[in-house]
Amino acid sequence: MSIIKWRINMSGVLSWFGIGRSDYRPSNLDVSVEIFETVIARISHAVSVSNREEGGKFIGKISQNGNHIKIRVETYIDSGPRVNNSVGHLMPDGEYQEAMFRVLETFDQDINYLGSWHTHHCNGLAELSQGDIRGYTETVNSRQYDLDYFFALLITDLCGSELRKRYYLFVRSQGSAEIPDSAVHIIKGSSPLEQILKSAEEAAFAHRRSQANFYRGASEHRPQMEVATDFMQKIRSEDRGWILNNFPAAQTLEAKRDGAIYWRWLIPLDNGELNVRYQYPIYSSSKPAHLEIIYDSEEVISENILLNSSRFEQIDKYLALAMKNAKSIASRNTK
């Protein structure tokens, strides 16, 4: 088992996450995580059949000996038949998850709810959102939460059958930090409870599909939000392919002010670089995206991009214009 020496500057990490604290509580922790391969297999399947955020509550065991923390994820409870989710949010069926956990306790009283997983594969956001961080922080600091640690797994993408993952640990009264891949191990094993939860998840998905089929069969009554969600998911998926093909270092981020998702990338020039920001609309799929390009602290492009089949040509046109404007600015500044 690989164990890392992991120093958490709690106040600094929280500031990095955008929720800073006034106190400073450094801690030294040895953290190791084991995840049963059946857990990853079930997550992979759930992600592969959905174009929305999915997730679940981790069940397992956690132990601490001095500064050594060992987390073992044995299985998970899915988000339930009445989950409220889209490409940009996930609200699990809490009553279902609570009822399932009480059933599991009758089989094994030593199990713990020790964290959760969810996915951003559908929206391109490669990090925890501000809402995720607030929610996990509130959970680990809640009096109703039995542990001092909360383990979070974020699925950022699904490439073929391979999940791209990031891991985090939230600590009661202290903060949070990302756990490196080297401290996490996928091991052989299956919980005795796995088959129960797998069957429950399959039933929950079947119920959700039946509801989706109802809407597809009566499209004139389909909620407008459902249509908008599907449209934006398609747009973001196409954009992701085009942007990463042309700008491999591009990143997806979340605006702190309003939660809007945007792409950011840099284009090097002979005299400096272009800082490009391409932001999606919030709340309405009928609104355009916005392209902003900065050169030498000066805005050279600020244009709306219609979310249609010609948007990549629009972006290319404005990138070329930005380069021309940047050249003029560089020439002016050298005089």
C-alpha atoms as a PDB file:
ATOM      1  CA  MET A   1       0.000   0.000   0.000  1.00  0.00           C
ATOM      2  CA  SER A   2       1.347   3.390  -0.958  1.00  0.00           C
ATOM      3  CA  ILE A   3       1.080   6.002   1.770  1.00  0.00           C
ATOM      4  CA  ILE A   4       1.972   9.614   1.184  1.00  0.00           C
ATOM      5  CA  LYS A   5       3.268  12.333   3.418  1.00  0.00           C
ATOM      6  CA  TRP A   6       0.653  14.965   2.845  1.00  0.00           C
ATOM      7  CA  ARG A   7       0.797  18.395   4.402  1.00  0.00           C
ATOM      8  CA  ILE A   8      -2.449  20.339   4.430  1.00  0.00           C
ATOM      9  CA  ASN A   9      -2.305  24.066   4.914  1.00  0.00           C
ATOM     10  CA  MET A  10      -5.981  24.216   5.760  1.00  0.00           C
ATOM     11  CA  SER A  11      -6.488  27.967   5.579  1.00  0.00           C
ATOM     12  CA  GLY A  12      -4.512  28.203   2.378  1.00  0.00           C
ATOM     13  CA  VAL A  13      -6.381  25.347   0.735  1.00  0.00           C
ATOM     14  CA  LEU A  14      -9.717  26.869   1.640  1.00  0.00           C
ATOM     15  CA  SER A  15      -8.609  30.177   0.170  1.00  0.00           C
ATOM     16  CA  TRP A  16      -7.600  28.322  -2.972  1.00  0.00           C
ATOM     17  CA  PHE A  17     -11.086  26.842  -3.082  1.00  0.00           C
ATOM     18  CA  GLY A  18     -12.580  30.295  -2.618  1.00  0.00           C
ATOM     19  CA  ILE A  19     -13.866  29.915   0.950  1.00  0.00           C
ATOM     20  CA  GLY A  20     -11.034  31.238   3.074  1.00  0.00           C
ATOM     21  CA  ARG A  21     -10.810  31.190   6.860  1.00  0.00           C
ATOM     22  CA  SER A  22      -9.190  33.600   9.270  1.00  0.00           C
ATOM     23  CA  ASP A  23      -7.464  30.925  11.334  1.00  0.00           C
ATOM     24  CA  TYR A  24      -4.418  28.875  10.373  1.00  0.00           C
ATOM     25  CA  ARG A  25      -4.376  25.199  11.279  1.00  0.00           C
ATOM     26  CA  PRO A  26      -1.649  23.206   9.557  1.00  0.00           C
ATOM     27  CA  SER A  27      -1.831  19.437   9.816  1.00  0.00           C
ATOM     28  CA  ASN A  28       0.411  16.571   8.799  1.00  0.00           C
ATOM     29  CA  LEU A  29      -1.509  13.544   7.603  1.00  0.00           C
ATOM     30  CA  ASP A  30      -0.589  10.219   6.057  1.00  0.00           C
ATOM     31  CA  VAL A  31      -3.539   9.373   3.840  1.00  0.00           C
ATOM     32  CA  SER A  32      -4.178   6.140   1.978  1.00  0.00           C
ATOM     33  CA  VAL A  33      -7.336   5.222   0.101  1.00  0.00           C
ATOM     34  CA  GLU A  34      -8.493   1.842  -1.182  1.00  0.00           C
ATOM     35  CA  ILE A  35     -11.482   1.505  -3.501  1.00  0.00           C
ATOM     36  CA  PHE A  36     -12.973  -1.861  -4.412  1.00  0.00           C
ATOM     37  CA  GLU A  37     -12.873  -2.488  -8.157  1.00  0.00           C
ATOM     38  CA  THR A  38     -16.599  -3.277  -8.125  1.00  0.00           C
ATOM     39  CA  VAL A  39     -17.237   0.321  -7.047  1.00  0.00           C
ATOM     40  CA  ILE A  40     -15.324   1.721 -10.028  1.00  0.00           C
ATOM     41  CA  ALA A  41     -17.050  -0.724 -12.386  1.00  0.00           C
ATOM     42  CA  ARG A  42     -20.498   0.373 -11.225  1.00  0.00           C
ATOM     43  CA  ILE A  43     -19.570   4.059 -11.424  1.00  0.00           C
ATOM     44  CA  SER A  44     -18.241   3.542 -14.966  1.00  0.00           C
ATOM     45  CA  HIS A  45     -21.512   1.987 -16.037  1.00  0.00           C
ATOM     46  CA  ALA A  46     -23.608   4.739 -14.452  1.00  0.00           C
ATOM     47  CA  VAL A  47     -21.556   7.431 -16.181  1.00  0.00           C
ATOM     48  CA  SER A  48     -21.555   5.674 -19.558  1.00  0.00           C
ATOM     49  CA  VAL A  49     -25.354   5.524 -19.775  1.00  0.00           C
ATOM     50  CA  SER A  50     -26.055   9.098 -18.666  1.00  0.00           C
ATOM     51  CA  ASN A  51     -25.560  12.567 -20.129  1.00  0.00           C
ATOM     52  CA  ARG A  52     -26.287  14.234 -16.788  1.00  0.00           C
ATOM     53  CA  GLU A  53     -24.509  14.589 -13.476  1.00  0.00           C
ATOM     54  CA  GLU A  54     -24.664  11.297 -11.574  1.00  0.00           C
ATOM     55  CA  GLY A  55     -23.413  10.395  -8.119  1.00  0.00           C
ATOM     56  CA  GLY A  56     -23.711   8.329  -4.992  1.00  0.00           C
ATOM     57  CA  LYS A  57     -22.862   8.048  -1.306  1.00  0.00           C
ATOM     58  CA  PHE A  58     -19.790   6.007  -0.436  1.00  0.00           C
ATOM     59  CA  ILE A  59     -20.101   3.221   2.117  1.00  0.00           C
ATOM     60  CA  GLY A  60     -17.068   1.696   3.789  1.00  0.00           C
ATOM     61  CA  LYS A  61     -14.688   1.955   6.687  1.00  0.00           C
ATOM     62  CA  ILE A  62     -12.206   4.528   7.898  1.00  0.00           C
ATOM     63  CA  SER A  63      -9.518   4.143  10.543  1.00  0.00           C
ATOM     64  CA  GLN A  64      -6.962   6.455  12.093  1.00  0.00           C
ATOM     65  CA  ASN A  65      -3.749   5.632  13.917  1.00  0.00           C
ATOM     66  CA  GLY A  66      -1.987   8.819  14.943  1.00  0.00           C
ATOM     67  CA  ASN A  67      -1.652  10.903  11.817  1.00  0.00           C
ATOM     68  CA  HIS A  68      -2.281   7.928   9.513  1.00  0.00           C
ATOM     69  CA  ILE A  69      -5.760   7.846   7.977  1.00  0.00           C
ATOM     70  CA  LYS A  70      -6.875   4.800   6.002  1.00  0.00           C
ATOM     71  CA  ILE A  71     -10.061   4.989   3.949  1.00  0.00           C
ATOM     72  CA  ARG A  72     -11.600   1.923   2.314  1.00  0.00           C
ATOM     73  CA  VAL A  73     -14.511   2.464  -0.073  1.00  0.00           C
ATOM     74  CA  GLU A  74     -16.452  -0.794  -0.322  1.00  0.00           C
ATOM     75  CA  THR A  75     -19.644   0.178  -2.159  1.00  0.00           C
ATOM     76  CA  TYR A  76     -22.048   3.078  -2.664  1.00  0.00           C
ATOM     77  CA  ILE A  77     -25.720   4.018  -2.582  1.00  0.00           C
ATOM     78  CA  ASP A  78     -26.892   5.531  -5.867  1.00  0.00           C
ATOM     79  CA  SER A  79     -28.766   8.844  -6.162  1.00  0.00           C
ATOM     80  CA  GLY A  80     -32.160   7.170  -6.221  1.00  0.00           C
ATOM     81  CA  PRO A  81     -35.273   7.041  -8.408  1.00  0.00           C
ATOM     82  CA  ARG A  82     -36.365  10.609  -7.614  1.00  0.00           C
ATOM     83  CA  VAL A  83     -33.005  12.270  -8.186  1.00  0.00           C
ATOM     84  CA  ASN A  84     -33.150  15.817  -9.572  1.00  0.00           C
ATOM     85  CA  ASN A  85     -30.225  16.201 -11.964  1.00  0.00           C
ATOM     86  CA  SER A  86     -29.119  17.885 -15.156  1.00  0.00           C
ATOM     87  CA  VAL A  87     -25.837  18.668 -16.910  1.00  0.00           C
ATOM     88  CA  GLY A  88     -25.134  21.310 -14.293  1.00  0.00           C
ATOM     89  CA  HIS A  89     -26.552  20.094 -10.991  1.00  0.00           C
ATOM     90  CA  LEU A  90     -27.264  16.998  -8.897  1.00  0.00           C
ATOM     91  CA  MET A  91     -29.767  16.739  -6.055  1.00  0.00           C
ATOM     92  CA  PRO A  92     -29.985  13.120  -4.831  1.00  0.00           C
ATOM     93  CA  ASP A  93     -33.121  11.448  -3.510  1.00  0.00           C
ATOM     94  CA  GLY A  94     -32.219  11.893   0.155  1.00  0.00           C
ATOM     95  CA  GLU A  95     -35.103   9.860   1.560  1.00  0.00           C
ATOM     96  CA  TYR A  96     -34.134   6.899  -0.616  1.00  0.00           C
ATOM     97  CA  GLN A  97     -30.460   7.096   0.382  1.00  0.00           C
ATOM     98  CA  GLU A  98     -31.289   7.339   4.087  1.00  0.00           C
ATOM     99  CA  ALA A  99     -33.671   4.375   3.902  1.00  0.00           C
ATOM    100  CA  MET A 100     -31.097   2.283   2.027  1.00  0.00           C
ATOM    101  CA  PHE A 101     -28.413   3.068   4.601  1.00  0.00           C
ATOM    102  CA  ARG A 102     -30.675   1.950   7.461  1.00  0.00           C
ATOM    103  CA  VAL A 103     -31.262  -1.340   5.669  1.00  0.00           C
ATOM    104  CA  LEU A 104     -27.513  -1.835   5.176  1.00  0.00           C
ATOM    105  CA  GLU A 105     -26.873  -1.224   8.874  1.00  0.00           C
ATOM    106  CA  THR A 106     -28.926  -4.311   9.717  1.00  0.00           C
ATOM    107  CA  PHE A 107     -26.367  -6.380   7.794  1.00  0.00           C
ATOM    108  CA  ASP A 108     -23.203  -4.611   9.010  1.00  0.00           C
ATOM    109  CA  GLN A 109     -23.280  -2.179  11.930  1.00  0.00           C
ATOM    110  CA  ASP A 110     -19.637  -1.183  11.372  1.00  0.00           C
ATOM    111  CA  ILE A 111     -20.183   0.497   8.011  1.00  0.00           C
ATOM    112  CA  ASN A 112     -19.958   4.249   7.626  1.00  0.00           C
ATOM    113  CA  TYR A 113     -21.177   6.825   5.186  1.00  0.00           C
ATOM    114  CA  LEU A 114     -17.720   8.269   4.468  1.00  0.00           C
ATOM    115  CA  GLY A 115     -18.114  10.457   1.411  1.00  0.00           C
ATOM    116  CA  SER A 116     -19.540  10.620  -2.072  1.00  0.00           C
ATOM    117  CA  TRP A 117     -18.810  10.651  -5.780  1.00  0.00           C
ATOM    118  CA  HIS A 118     -20.306  12.641  -8.607  1.00  0.00           C
ATOM    119  CA  THR A 119     -19.505  13.458 -12.186  1.00  0.00           C
ATOM    120  CA  HIS A 120     -18.836  16.500 -14.362  1.00  0.00           C
ATOM    121  CA  HIS A 121     -18.332  14.427 -17.517  1.00  0.00           C
ATOM    122  CA  CYS A 122     -21.419  16.047 -19.034  1.00  0.00           C
ATOM    123  CA  ASN A 123     -20.440  19.691 -18.570  1.00  0.00           C
ATOM    124  CA  GLY A 124     -16.659  19.795 -18.977  1.00  0.00           C
ATOM    125  CA  LEU A 125     -15.964  21.323 -15.556  1.00  0.00           C
ATOM    126  CA  ALA A 126     -12.690  19.684 -14.501  1.00  0.00           C
ATOM    127  CA  GLU A 127     -12.816  20.676 -10.829  1.00  0.00           C
ATOM    128  CA  LEU A 128     -15.225  20.853  -7.916  1.00  0.00           C
ATOM    129  CA  SER A 129     -17.733  23.657  -8.244  1.00  0.00           C
ATOM    130  CA  GLN A 130     -18.139  26.258  -5.518  1.00  0.00           C
ATOM    131  CA  GLY A 131     -21.447  24.595  -4.655  1.00  0.00           C
ATOM    132  CA  ASP A 132     -19.720  21.215  -4.305  1.00  0.00           C
ATOM    133  CA  ILE A 133     -17.140  22.668  -1.943  1.00  0.00           C
ATOM    134  CA  ARG A 134     -19.715  24.447   0.184  1.00  0.00           C
ATOM    135  CA  GLY A 135     -21.869  21.331   0.389  1.00  0.00           C
ATOM    136  CA  TYR A 136     -19.029  19.000   1.384  1.00  0.00           C
ATOM    137  CA  THR A 137     -17.702  21.511   3.913  1.00  0.00           C
ATOM    138  CA  GLU A 138     -21.135  21.830   5.506  1.00  0.00           C
ATOM    139  CA  THR A 139     -21.501  18.042   5.628  1.00  0.00           C
ATOM    140  CA  VAL A 140     -18.185  17.292   7.339  1.00  0.00           C
ATOM    141  CA  ASN A 141     -18.819  20.051   9.898  1.00  0.00           C
ATOM    142  CA  SER A 142     -22.387  18.966  10.615  1.00  0.00           C
ATOM    143  CA  ARG A 143     -23.230  17.541  14.041  1.00  0.00           C
ATOM    144  CA  GLN A 144     -25.195  14.818  12.265  1.00  0.00           C
ATOM    145  CA  TYR A 145     -22.098  13.582  10.418  1.00  0.00           C
ATOM    146  CA  ASP A 146     -20.362  10.877  12.467  1.00  0.00           C
ATOM    147  CA  LEU A 147     -16.817  11.175  11.091  1.00  0.00           C
ATOM    148  CA  ASP A 148     -14.146  13.877  11.028  1.00  0.00           C
ATOM    149  CA  TYR A 149     -13.260  13.185   7.384  1.00  0.00           C
ATOM    150  CA  PHE A 150     -15.226  13.260   4.139  1.00  0.00           C
ATOM    151  CA  PHE A 151     -13.782  11.616   1.016  1.00  0.00           C
ATOM    152  CA  ALA A 152     -14.938  12.954  -2.359  1.00  0.00           C
ATOM    153  CA  LEU A 153     -14.365  11.526  -5.829  1.00  0.00           C
ATOM    154  CA  LEU A 154     -14.995  13.681  -8.898  1.00  0.00           C
ATOM    155  CA  ILE A 155     -15.314  12.117 -12.352  1.00  0.00           C
ATOM    156  CA  THR A 156     -14.175  14.734 -14.851  1.00  0.00           C
ATOM    157  CA  ASP A 157     -14.462  12.719 -18.060  1.00  0.00           C
ATOM    158  CA  LEU A 158     -15.097   9.320 -19.586  1.00  0.00           C
ATOM    159  CA  CYS A 159     -12.642   8.412 -22.360  1.00  0.00           C
ATOM    160  CA  GLY A 160     -13.768   5.120 -23.833  1.00  0.00           C
ATOM    161  CA  SER A 161     -13.956   2.870 -20.780  1.00  0.00           C
ATOM    162  CA  GLU A 162     -11.467   4.932 -18.755  1.00  0.00           C
ATOM    163  CA  LEU A 163     -12.663   7.307 -16.054  1.00  0.00           C
ATOM    164  CA  ARG A 164     -10.686  10.462 -15.390  1.00  0.00           C
ATOM    165  CA  LYS A 165     -10.819  11.068 -11.658  1.00  0.00           C
ATOM    166  CA  ARG A 166      -9.822  13.544  -8.960  1.00  0.00           C
ATOM    167  CA  TYR A 167      -9.872  12.856  -5.223  1.00  0.00           C
ATOM    168  CA  TYR A 168     -10.405  15.188  -2.259  1.00  0.00           C
ATOM    169  CA  LEU A 169     -10.459  15.021   1.531  1.00  0.00           C
ATOM    170  CA  PHE A 170     -12.510  17.412   3.664  1.00  0.00           C
ATOM    171  CA  VAL A 171     -11.571  17.651   7.360  1.00  0.00           C
ATOM    172  CA  ARG A 172     -13.845  18.780  10.165  1.00  0.00           C
ATOM    173  CA  SER A 173     -13.116  22.325  11.378  1.00  0.00           C
ATOM    174  CA  GLN A 174     -10.005  22.581   9.217  1.00  0.00           C
ATOM    175  CA  GLY A 175     -10.520  22.546   5.475  1.00  0.00           C
ATOM    176  CA  SER A 176      -9.875  20.439   2.427  1.00  0.00           C
ATOM    177  CA  ALA A 177      -7.224  19.367  -0.052  1.00  0.00           C
ATOM    178  CA  GLU A 178      -6.811  17.279  -3.168  1.00  0.00           C
ATOM    179  CA  ILE A 179      -5.398  13.768  -2.734  1.00  0.00           C
ATOM    180  CA  PRO A 180      -2.851  12.734  -5.385  1.00  0.00           C
ATOM    181  CA  ASP A 181      -3.482   9.639  -7.478  1.00  0.00           C
ATOM    182  CA  SER A 182      -0.480   7.902  -5.906  1.00  0.00           C
ATOM    183  CA  ALA A 183      -2.325   7.646  -2.577  1.00  0.00           C
ATOM    184  CA  VAL A 184      -5.396   5.968  -4.081  1.00  0.00           C
ATOM    185  CA  HIS A 185      -5.499   2.292  -5.037  1.00  0.00           C
ATOM    186  CA  ILE A 186      -8.175   0.308  -6.842  1.00  0.00           C
ATOM    187  CA  ILE A 187      -8.112  -3.144  -5.255  1.00  0.00           C
ATOM    188  CA  LYS A 188      -9.785  -6.483  -5.869  1.00  0.00           C
ATOM    189  CA  GLY A 189     -12.749  -7.053  -3.638  1.00  0.00           C
ATOM    190  CA  SER A 190     -16.493  -6.787  -3.395  1.00  0.00           C
ATOM    191  CA  SER A 191     -18.710  -5.893  -0.481  1.00  0.00           C
ATOM    192  CA  PRO A 192     -21.335  -8.456   0.615  1.00  0.00           C
ATOM    193  CA  LEU A 193     -23.753  -5.544   0.203  1.00  0.00           C
ATOM    194  CA  GLU A 194     -22.743  -4.836  -3.401  1.00  0.00           C
ATOM    195  CA  GLN A 195     -25.378  -6.991  -5.082  1.00  0.00           C
ATOM    196  CA  ILE A 196     -28.170  -5.406  -3.043  1.00  0.00           C
ATOM    197  CA  LEU A 197     -27.062  -1.904  -4.012  1.00  0.00           C
ATOM    198  CA  LYS A 198     -26.366  -2.808  -7.624  1.00  0.00           C
ATOM    199  CA  SER A 199     -29.896  -4.196  -7.998  1.00  0.00           C
ATOM    200  CA  ALA A 200     -31.352  -1.110  -6.308  1.00  0.00           C
ATOM    201  CA  GLU A 201     -29.425   1.166  -8.675  1.00  0.00           C
ATOM    202  CA  GLU A 202     -30.634  -0.761 -11.716  1.00  0.00           C
ATOM    203  CA  ALA A 203     -34.225  -0.410 -10.489  1.00  0.00           C
ATOM    204  CA  ALA A 204     -33.726   3.324  -9.895  1.00  0.00           C
ATOM    205  CA  PHE A 205     -32.328   3.833 -13.408  1.00  0.00           C
ATOM    206  CA  ALA A 206     -35.210   1.821 -14.884  1.00  0.00           C
ATOM    207  CA  HIS A 207     -37.691   4.098 -13.118  1.00  0.00           C
ATOM    208  CA  ARG A 208     -35.895   7.198 -14.386  1.00  0.00           C
ATOM    209  CA  ARG A 209     -35.839   5.843 -17.950  1.00  0.00           C
ATOM    210  CA  SER A 210     -39.574   5.197 -17.810  1.00  0.00           C
ATOM    211  CA  GLN A 211     -40.128   8.833 -16.847  1.00  0.00           C
ATOM    212  CA  ALA A 212     -37.822  10.023 -19.636  1.00  0.00           C
ATOM    213  CA  ASN A 213     -39.649   7.845 -22.166  1.00  0.00           C
ATOM    214  CA  PHE A 214     -42.934   9.349 -21.044  1.00  0.00           C
ATOM    215  CA  TYR A 215     -41.639  12.818 -21.884  1.00  0.00           C
ATOM    216  CA  ARG A 216     -40.183  11.698 -25.204  1.00  0.00           C
ATOM    217  CA  GLY A 217     -43.511  10.103 -26.103  1.00  0.00           C
ATOM    218  CA  ALA A 218     -45.329  13.345 -25.397  1.00  0.00           C
ATOM    219  CA  SER A 219     -42.809  15.934 -26.537  1.00  0.00           C
ATOM    220  CA  GLU A 220     -45.377  18.703 -26.641  1.00  0.00           C
ATOM    221  CA  HIS A 221     -45.664  18.376 -22.856  1.00  0.00           C
ATOM    222  CA  ARG A 222     -41.955  17.964 -22.221  1.00  0.00           C
ATOM    223  CA  PRO A 223     -40.638  20.518 -19.700  1.00  0.00           C
ATOM    224  CA  GLN A 224     -38.777  23.390 -21.377  1.00  0.00           C
ATOM    225  CA  MET A 225     -35.873  22.935 -18.941  1.00  0.00           C
ATOM    226  CA  GLU A 226     -35.416  19.342 -20.167  1.00  0.00           C
ATOM    227  CA  VAL A 227     -35.117  20.522 -23.782  1.00  0.00           C
ATOM    228  CA  ALA A 228     -32.680  23.299 -22.834  1.00  0.00           C
ATOM    229  CA  THR A 229     -30.584  20.854 -20.809  1.00  0.00           C
ATOM    230  CA  ASP A 230     -30.229  18.438 -23.720  1.00  0.00           C
ATOM    231  CA  PHE A 231     -29.319  21.277 -26.109  1.00  0.00           C
ATOM    232  CA  MET A 232     -26.601  22.702 -23.862  1.00  0.00           C
ATOM    233  CA  GLN A 233     -25.164  19.247 -23.203  1.00  0.00           C
ATOM    234  CA  LYS A 234     -24.829  18.727 -26.964  1.00  0.00           C
ATOM    235  CA  ILE A 235     -23.249  22.166 -27.437  1.00  0.00           C
ATOM    236  CA  ARG A 236     -20.733  21.658 -24.622  1.00  0.00           C
ATOM    237  CA  SER A 237     -19.789  18.207 -25.861  1.00  0.00           C
ATOM    238  CA  GLU A 238     -19.121  19.509 -29.388  1.00  0.00           C
ATOM    239  CA  ASP A 239     -17.247  22.532 -28.039  1.00  0.00           C
ATOM    240  CA  ARG A 240     -15.073  20.346 -25.846  1.00  0.00           C
ATOM    241  CA  GLY A 241     -13.919  18.303 -28.837  1.00  0.00           C
ATOM    242  CA  TRP A 242     -13.188  21.358 -30.995  1.00  0.00           C
ATOM    243  CA  ILE A 243     -11.491  23.438 -28.306  1.00  0.00           C
ATOM    244  CA  LEU A 244      -9.232  20.680 -26.969  1.00  0.00           C
ATOM    245  CA  ASN A 245      -8.287  19.644 -30.501  1.00  0.00           C
ATOM    246  CA  ASN A 246      -7.150  23.195 -31.278  1.00  0.00           C
ATOM    247  CA  PHE A 247      -6.031  24.295 -27.809  1.00  0.00           C
ATOM    248  CA  PRO A 248      -5.017  21.198 -25.774  1.00  0.00           C
ATOM    249  CA  ALA A 249      -4.127  23.242 -22.678  1.00  0.00           C
ATOM    250  CA  ALA A 250      -7.586  24.856 -22.463  1.00  0.00           C
ATOM    251  CA  GLN A 251      -9.383  24.535 -19.129  1.00  0.00           C
ATOM    252  CA  THR A 252     -13.014  24.632 -18.067  1.00  0.00           C
ATOM    253  CA  LEU A 253     -13.749  26.732 -14.997  1.00  0.00           C
ATOM    254  CA  GLU A 254     -16.707  28.045 -13.034  1.00  0.00           C
ATOM    255  CA  ALA A 255     -17.320  31.755 -12.523  1.00  0.00           C
ATOM    256  CA  LYS A 256     -17.471  32.580  -8.818  1.00  0.00           C
ATOM    257  CA  ARG A 257     -19.938  35.432  -9.343  1.00  0.00           C
ATOM    258  CA  ASP A 258     -22.783  33.556 -11.028  1.00  0.00           C
ATOM    259  CA  GLY A 259     -21.649  29.932 -11.466  1.00  0.00           C
ATOM    260  CA  ALA A 260     -21.408  30.197 -15.260  1.00  0.00           C
ATOM    261  CA  ILE A 261     -19.140  27.640 -16.928  1.00  0.00           C
ATOM    262  CA  TYR A 262     -16.447  28.956 -19.253  1.00  0.00           C
ATOM    263  CA  TRP A 263     -13.376  27.884 -21.190  1.00  0.00           C
ATOM    264  CA  ARG A 264     -10.053  29.677 -20.823  1.00  0.00           C
ATOM    265  CA  TRP A 265      -6.894  29.291 -22.872  1.00  0.00           C
ATOM    266  CA  LEU A 266      -3.795  31.246 -23.846  1.00  0.00           C
ATOM    267  CA  ILE A 267      -2.435  31.829 -27.345  1.00  0.00           C
ATOM    268  CA  PRO A 268       1.269  32.779 -27.409  1.00  0.00           C
ATOM    269  CA  LEU A 269       2.310  35.604 -29.734  1.00  0.00           C
ATOM    270  CA  ASP A 270       5.670  37.144 -30.616  1.00  0.00           C
ATOM    271  CA  ASN A 271       5.054  39.944 -28.130  1.00  0.00           C
ATOM    272  CA  GLY A 272       2.947  38.495 -25.336  1.00  0.00           C
ATOM    273  CA  GLU A 273      -0.130  36.288 -25.425  1.00  0.00           C
ATOM    274  CA  LEU A 274      -3.867  36.354 -25.946  1.00  0.00           C
ATOM    275  CA  ASN A 275      -5.990  35.422 -22.927  1.00  0.00           C
ATOM    276  CA  VAL A 276      -9.209  33.896 -24.260  1.00  0.00           C
ATOM    277  CA  ARG A 277     -12.418  33.399 -22.270  1.00  0.00           C
ATOM    278  CA  TYR A 278     -15.432  31.683 -23.855  1.00  0.00           C
ATOM    279  CA  GLN A 279     -18.404  31.660 -21.471  1.00  0.00           C
ATOM    280  CA  TYR A 280     -21.725  29.834 -21.732  1.00  0.00           C
ATOM    281  CA  PRO A 281     -25.038  31.503 -20.904  1.00  0.00           C
ATOM    282  CA  ILE A 282     -26.808  30.600 -17.673  1.00  0.00           C
ATOM    283  CA  TYR A 283     -30.498  29.792 -17.267  1.00  0.00           C
ATOM    284  CA  SER A 284     -31.363  30.082 -20.963  1.00  0.00           C
ATOM    285  CA  SER A 285     -30.125  28.078 -23.941  1.00  0.00           C
ATOM    286  CA  SER A 286     -31.563  30.715 -26.302  1.00  0.00           C
ATOM    287  CA  LYS A 287     -28.927  33.249 -25.278  1.00  0.00           C
ATOM    288  CA  PRO A 288     -25.503  33.403 -26.973  1.00  0.00           C
ATOM    289  CA  ALA A 289     -22.166  32.539 -25.439  1.00  0.00           C
ATOM    290  CA  HIS A 290     -19.677  35.354 -24.903  1.00  0.00           C
ATOM    291  CA  LEU A 291     -16.117  35.533 -26.213  1.00  0.00           C
ATOM    292  CA  GLU A 292     -13.664  37.868 -24.498  1.00  0.00           C
ATOM    293  CA  ILE A 293     -10.023  38.193 -25.530  1.00  0.00           C
ATOM    294  CA  ILE A 294      -7.442  40.181 -23.573  1.00  0.00           C
ATOM    295  CA  TYR A 295      -4.014  41.288 -24.768  1.00  0.00           C
ATOM    296  CA  ASP A 296      -1.560  43.162 -22.559  1.00  0.00           C
ATOM    297  CA  SER A 297      -4.357  43.937 -20.042  1.00  0.00           C
ATOM    298  CA  GLU A 298      -6.440  45.455 -22.848  1.00  0.00           C
ATOM    299  CA  GLU A 299      -9.706  43.994 -24.138  1.00  0.00           C
ATOM    300  CA  VAL A 300      -9.312  43.441 -27.867  1.00  0.00           C
ATOM    301  CA  ILE A 301     -12.448  41.353 -28.477  1.00  0.00           C
ATOM    302  CA  SER A 302     -15.802  41.247 -26.673  1.00  0.00           C
ATOM    303  CA  GLU A 303     -18.413  39.537 -28.819  1.00  0.00           C
ATOM    304  CA  ASN A 304     -21.449  37.295 -28.470  1.00  0.00           C
ATOM    305  CA  ILE A 305     -21.234  33.883 -30.134  1.00  0.00           C
ATOM    306  CA  LEU A 306     -24.479  32.376 -31.410  1.00  0.00           C
ATOM    307  CA  LEU A 307     -24.713  28.734 -30.351  1.00  0.00           C
ATOM    308  CA  ASN A 308     -25.332  27.311 -33.793  1.00  0.00           C
ATOM    309  CA  SER A 309     -23.382  25.249 -36.309  1.00  0.00           C
ATOM    310  CA  SER A 310     -21.268  28.245 -37.397  1.00  0.00           C
ATOM    311  CA  ARG A 311     -19.951  29.125 -33.931  1.00  0.00           C
ATOM    312  CA  PHE A 312     -16.491  27.671 -34.533  1.00  0.00           C
ATOM    313  CA  GLU A 313     -16.117  29.829 -37.643  1.00  0.00           C
ATOM    314  CA  GLN A 314     -17.201  32.806 -35.523  1.00  0.00           C
ATOM    315  CA  ILE A 315     -14.568  32.032 -32.895  1.00  0.00           C
ATOM    316  CA  ASP A 316     -11.858  31.568 -35.544  1.00  0.00           C
ATOM    317  CA  LYS A 317     -12.783  34.903 -37.126  1.00  0.00           C
ATOM    318  CA  TYR A 318     -12.522  36.763 -33.825  1.00  0.00           C
ATOM    319  CA  LEU A 319      -9.273  35.014 -32.888  1.00  0.00           C
ATOM    320  CA  ALA A 320      -7.743  36.209 -36.162  1.00  0.00           C
ATOM    321  CA  LEU A 321      -9.034  39.727 -35.508  1.00  0.00           C
ATOM    322  CA  ALA A 322      -7.645  39.613 -31.961  1.00  0.00           C
ATOM    323  CA  MET A 323      -4.206  38.691 -33.294  1.00  0.00           C
ATOM    324  CA  LYS A 324      -4.364  41.607 -35.721  1.00  0.00           C
ATOM    325  CA  ASN A 325      -5.422  43.993 -32.947  1.00  0.00           C
ATOM    326  CA  ALA A 326      -2.701  42.652 -30.651  1.00  0.00           C
ATOM    327  CA  LYS A 327      -0.093  43.282 -33.334  1.00  0.00           C
ATOM    328  CA  SER A 328      -1.264  46.889 -33.612  1.00  0.00           C
ATOM    329  CA  ILE A 329      -1.096  47.345 -29.842  1.00  0.00           C
ATOM    330  CA  ALA A 330       2.394  45.850 -29.687  1.00  0.00           C
ATOM    331  CA  SER A 331       3.537  48.154 -32.499  1.00  0.00           C
ATOM    332  CA  ARG A 332       2.015  51.163 -30.751  1.00  0.00           C
ATOM    333  CA  ASN A 333       3.666  50.300 -27.436  1.00  0.00           C
ATOM    334  CA  THR A 334       7.125  50.027 -28.986  1.00  0.00           C
ATOM    335  CA  LYS A 335       7.011  53.540 -30.415  1.00  0.00           C
END
